[in-house]
C-alpha cells in the first residue's frame, strides 16, 4: 500500500514482520470494546478500538484506541502511545501526573496503576508489549 491508501484493513498477523501499510488514524473506524464497570470512577466513558497488527504469539500489539470523557482506573501494560486527538490527565500511582494531548508521546510501565481523567474524547495510536 502507498501512503495515500487509507484502508482500514489491518495487516495480517504473522511470525514475520507485517506488510508495510499506512492508515489515517483519525479516520479509522473503531469497534466497541468492553470496559469493566468496576474501572469507571465517574461519568459514562465508552471505549472503542482497532487492532492493526498483532504478533503470532500475542506479545506485540499495535492499534488505535479511543475513550470518551470520564474517569477510569487501569493497570497498564508496557506501552508506547501517541495522542492524535483529545486530552486527558493520567495519574500514575506513586509516580507522575501526565498531561497528554495531540502530539504527546507517552510511555507506560507494565503494572503501573493509573487513573485516567479524560477531558475530551482521546484517540491514540499505540504499541503494547506483553
C-alpha atoms as a PDB file:
ATOM      1  CA  UNK A   1       0.000   0.000   0.000  1.00  0.00           C
ATOM      2  CA  UNK A   2       1.141   3.510  -0.620  1.00  0.00           C
ATOM      3  CA  UNK A   3       0.894   6.246   1.974  1.00  0.00           C
ATOM      4  CA  UNK A   4      -2.069   7.616   0.035  1.00  0.00           C
ATOM      5  CA  UNK A   5      -4.059   4.423   0.685  1.00  0.00           C
ATOM      6  CA  UNK A   6      -6.071   4.951   3.883  1.00  0.00           C
ATOM      7  CA  UNK A   7      -7.560   1.474   4.049  1.00  0.00           C
ATOM      8  CA  UNK A   8      -8.924   0.371   7.415  1.00  0.00           C
ATOM      9  CA  UNK A   9      -7.837  -3.200   6.697  1.00  0.00           C
ATOM     10  CA  UNK A  10      -5.329  -4.439   9.275  1.00  0.00           C
ATOM     11  CA  UNK A  11      -2.098  -6.003   8.178  1.00  0.00           C
ATOM     12  CA  UNK A  12      -2.137  -9.796   8.535  1.00  0.00           C
ATOM     13  CA  UNK A  13      -0.676 -11.241  11.732  1.00  0.00           C
ATOM     14  CA  UNK A  14       2.310 -13.441  11.032  1.00  0.00           C
ATOM     15  CA  UNK A  15       5.535 -14.679  12.559  1.00  0.00           C
ATOM     16  CA  UNK A  16       7.460 -12.331  10.283  1.00  0.00           C
ATOM     17  CA  UNK A  17       7.237  -8.570  10.118  1.00  0.00           C
ATOM     18  CA  UNK A  18       3.877  -7.234   8.902  1.00  0.00           C
ATOM     19  CA  UNK A  19       3.465  -5.928   5.408  1.00  0.00           C
ATOM     20  CA  UNK A  20       4.070  -2.199   5.270  1.00  0.00           C
ATOM     21  CA  UNK A  21       0.893  -0.123   5.348  1.00  0.00           C
ATOM     22  CA  UNK A  22      -0.473   3.269   6.349  1.00  0.00           C
ATOM     23  CA  UNK A  23      -3.800   4.391   7.767  1.00  0.00           C
ATOM     24  CA  UNK A  24      -5.271   7.769   8.626  1.00  0.00           C
ATOM     25  CA  UNK A  25      -5.552   7.371  12.410  1.00  0.00           C
ATOM     26  CA  UNK A  26      -8.293   9.996  12.668  1.00  0.00           C
ATOM     27  CA  UNK A  27     -10.477   8.204  10.103  1.00  0.00           C
ATOM     28  CA  UNK A  28     -10.095   4.540  11.097  1.00  0.00           C
ATOM     29  CA  UNK A  29     -13.482   3.075  12.020  1.00  0.00           C
ATOM     30  CA  UNK A  30     -13.239   1.735  15.569  1.00  0.00           C
ATOM     31  CA  UNK A  31     -15.137  -1.147  17.149  1.00  0.00           C
ATOM     32  CA  UNK A  32     -16.731  -1.217  20.629  1.00  0.00           C
ATOM     33  CA  UNK A  33     -14.515  -2.629  23.382  1.00  0.00           C
ATOM     34  CA  UNK A  34     -15.555  -3.834  26.823  1.00  0.00           C
ATOM     35  CA  UNK A  35     -14.866  -1.587  29.778  1.00  0.00           C
ATOM     36  CA  UNK A  36     -15.256  -3.286  33.155  1.00  0.00           C
ATOM     37  CA  UNK A  37     -17.825  -1.235  35.100  1.00  0.00           C
ATOM     38  CA  UNK A  38     -15.563  -1.603  38.168  1.00  0.00           C
ATOM     39  CA  UNK A  39     -12.985   0.565  36.365  1.00  0.00           C
ATOM     40  CA  UNK A  40     -15.367   3.515  35.982  1.00  0.00           C
ATOM     41  CA  UNK A  41     -14.868   6.143  38.693  1.00  0.00           C
ATOM     42  CA  UNK A  42     -17.208   8.760  37.194  1.00  0.00           C
ATOM     43  CA  UNK A  43     -19.045   9.613  34.025  1.00  0.00           C
ATOM     44  CA  UNK A  44     -20.074   7.124  31.362  1.00  0.00           C
ATOM     45  CA  UNK A  45     -16.919   6.630  29.256  1.00  0.00           C
ATOM     46  CA  UNK A  46     -17.112   4.483  26.138  1.00  0.00           C
ATOM     47  CA  UNK A  47     -14.067   2.670  24.749  1.00  0.00           C
ATOM     48  CA  UNK A  48     -13.533   1.731  21.106  1.00  0.00           C
ATOM     49  CA  UNK A  49     -10.507   0.456  19.235  1.00  0.00           C
ATOM     50  CA  UNK A  50      -9.000  -1.451  16.369  1.00  0.00           C
ATOM     51  CA  UNK A  51      -6.006  -3.762  16.373  1.00  0.00           C
ATOM     52  CA  UNK A  52      -3.964  -3.064  13.245  1.00  0.00           C
ATOM     53  CA  UNK A  53      -1.397  -5.801  13.829  1.00  0.00           C
ATOM     54  CA  UNK A  54      -0.658  -8.495  16.401  1.00  0.00           C
ATOM     55  CA  UNK A  55       2.327 -10.817  16.539  1.00  0.00           C
ATOM     56  CA  UNK A  56       1.617 -14.524  16.101  1.00  0.00           C
ATOM     57  CA  UNK A  57       2.484 -15.182  19.755  1.00  0.00           C
ATOM     58  CA  UNK A  58       0.338 -12.286  21.006  1.00  0.00           C
ATOM     59  CA  UNK A  59       3.207 -10.495  22.744  1.00  0.00           C
ATOM     60  CA  UNK A  60       3.155  -7.397  20.493  1.00  0.00           C
ATOM     61  CA  UNK A  61       0.027  -5.436  19.565  1.00  0.00           C
ATOM     62  CA  UNK A  62      -0.301  -2.249  17.503  1.00  0.00           C
ATOM     63  CA  UNK A  63      -3.507  -0.355  17.072  1.00  0.00           C
ATOM     64  CA  UNK A  64      -5.763   2.606  17.652  1.00  0.00           C
ATOM     65  CA  UNK A  65      -7.794   3.205  20.821  1.00  0.00           C
ATOM     66  CA  UNK A  66     -10.312   5.820  21.873  1.00  0.00           C
ATOM     67  CA  UNK A  67     -12.121   6.761  25.090  1.00  0.00           C
ATOM     68  CA  UNK A  68     -14.862   9.337  25.665  1.00  0.00           C
ATOM     69  CA  UNK A  69     -14.841  11.699  28.675  1.00  0.00           C
ATOM     70  CA  UNK A  70     -14.996  10.285  32.179  1.00  0.00           C
ATOM     71  CA  UNK A  71     -12.674   8.903  34.837  1.00  0.00           C
ATOM     72  CA  UNK A  72     -11.417   5.300  34.773  1.00  0.00           C
ATOM     73  CA  UNK A  73      -8.781   3.196  36.508  1.00  0.00           C
ATOM     74  CA  UNK A  74      -6.415   0.809  34.765  1.00  0.00           C
ATOM     75  CA  UNK A  75      -3.403  -1.429  35.276  1.00  0.00           C
ATOM     76  CA  UNK A  76      -1.037  -0.723  32.421  1.00  0.00           C
ATOM     77  CA  UNK A  77       0.877  -2.902  30.007  1.00  0.00           C
ATOM     78  CA  UNK A  78       4.310  -1.937  28.624  1.00  0.00           C
ATOM     79  CA  UNK A  79       3.032   0.663  26.150  1.00  0.00           C
ATOM     80  CA  UNK A  80       4.137   3.496  23.930  1.00  0.00           C
ATOM     81  CA  UNK A  81       1.349   5.654  22.531  1.00  0.00           C
ATOM     82  CA  UNK A  82       0.938   8.926  20.676  1.00  0.00           C
ATOM     83  CA  UNK A  83      -2.192  11.012  21.203  1.00  0.00           C
ATOM     84  CA  UNK A  84      -3.849  12.016  17.944  1.00  0.00           C
ATOM     85  CA  UNK A  85      -6.752  13.985  19.385  1.00  0.00           C
ATOM     86  CA  UNK A  86      -8.344  14.806  22.723  1.00  0.00           C
ATOM     87  CA  UNK A  87      -6.954  15.465  26.159  1.00  0.00           C
ATOM     88  CA  UNK A  88      -6.504  13.541  29.403  1.00  0.00           C
ATOM     89  CA  UNK A  89      -4.705  13.585  32.723  1.00  0.00           C
ATOM     90  CA  UNK A  90      -3.119  10.248  33.647  1.00  0.00           C
ATOM     91  CA  UNK A  91      -2.241   9.883  37.324  1.00  0.00           C
ATOM     92  CA  UNK A  92       0.293   7.100  37.899  1.00  0.00           C
ATOM     93  CA  UNK A  93       0.073   5.700  41.453  1.00  0.00           C
ATOM     94  CA  UNK A  94       3.286   6.577  43.274  1.00  0.00           C
ATOM     95  CA  UNK A  95       4.549   8.432  40.223  1.00  0.00           C
ATOM     96  CA  UNK A  96       3.949  11.264  37.815  1.00  0.00           C
ATOM     97  CA  UNK A  97       0.820  13.053  36.693  1.00  0.00           C
ATOM     98  CA  UNK A  98       0.874  13.064  32.909  1.00  0.00           C
ATOM     99  CA  UNK A  99      -0.989  15.713  30.911  1.00  0.00           C
ATOM    100  CA  UNK A 100      -1.470  14.329  27.400  1.00  0.00           C
ATOM    101  CA  UNK A 101      -2.938  15.861  24.259  1.00  0.00           C
ATOM    102  CA  UNK A 102      -2.437  15.889  20.490  1.00  0.00           C
ATOM    103  CA  UNK A 103       1.161  15.049  19.670  1.00  0.00           C
ATOM    104  CA  UNK A 104       2.039  13.732  23.149  1.00  0.00           C
ATOM    105  CA  UNK A 105       4.161  10.585  23.165  1.00  0.00           C
ATOM    106  CA  UNK A 106       3.706   8.633  26.374  1.00  0.00           C
ATOM    107  CA  UNK A 107       5.395   5.545  27.792  1.00  0.00           C
ATOM    108  CA  UNK A 108       3.592   3.495  30.440  1.00  0.00           C
ATOM    109  CA  UNK A 109       5.310   0.837  32.502  1.00  0.00           C
ATOM    110  CA  UNK A 110       3.812  -2.630  32.863  1.00  0.00           C
ATOM    111  CA  UNK A 111       1.950  -2.946  36.154  1.00  0.00           C
ATOM    112  CA  UNK A 112       1.520   0.803  36.729  1.00  0.00           C
ATOM    113  CA  UNK A 113      -1.839   1.553  38.349  1.00  0.00           C
ATOM    114  CA  UNK A 114      -3.366   4.603  36.730  1.00  0.00           C
ATOM    115  CA  UNK A 115      -6.383   6.875  36.901  1.00  0.00           C
ATOM    116  CA  UNK A 116      -7.349   8.425  33.569  1.00  0.00           C
ATOM    117  CA  UNK A 117      -9.354  11.645  33.687  1.00  0.00           C
ATOM    118  CA  UNK A 118     -10.463  12.110  30.087  1.00  0.00           C
ATOM    119  CA  UNK A 119     -11.341  15.765  29.454  1.00  0.00           C
ATOM    120  CA  UNK A 120     -12.016  15.454  25.695  1.00  0.00           C
ATOM    121  CA  UNK A 121     -12.515  12.239  23.694  1.00  0.00           C
ATOM    122  CA  UNK A 122      -8.982  10.890  23.365  1.00  0.00           C
ATOM    123  CA  UNK A 123      -7.729   8.867  20.389  1.00  0.00           C
ATOM    124  CA  UNK A 124      -4.266   7.328  20.387  1.00  0.00           C
ATOM    125  CA  UNK A 125      -2.093   5.082  18.249  1.00  0.00           C
ATOM    126  CA  UNK A 126      -0.282   2.531  20.391  1.00  0.00           C
ATOM    127  CA  UNK A 127       2.244  -0.282  20.573  1.00  0.00           C
ATOM    128  CA  UNK A 128       1.974  -2.710  23.519  1.00  0.00           C
ATOM    129  CA  UNK A 129       4.494  -5.365  24.527  1.00  0.00           C
ATOM    130  CA  UNK A 130       3.260  -8.151  26.820  1.00  0.00           C
END
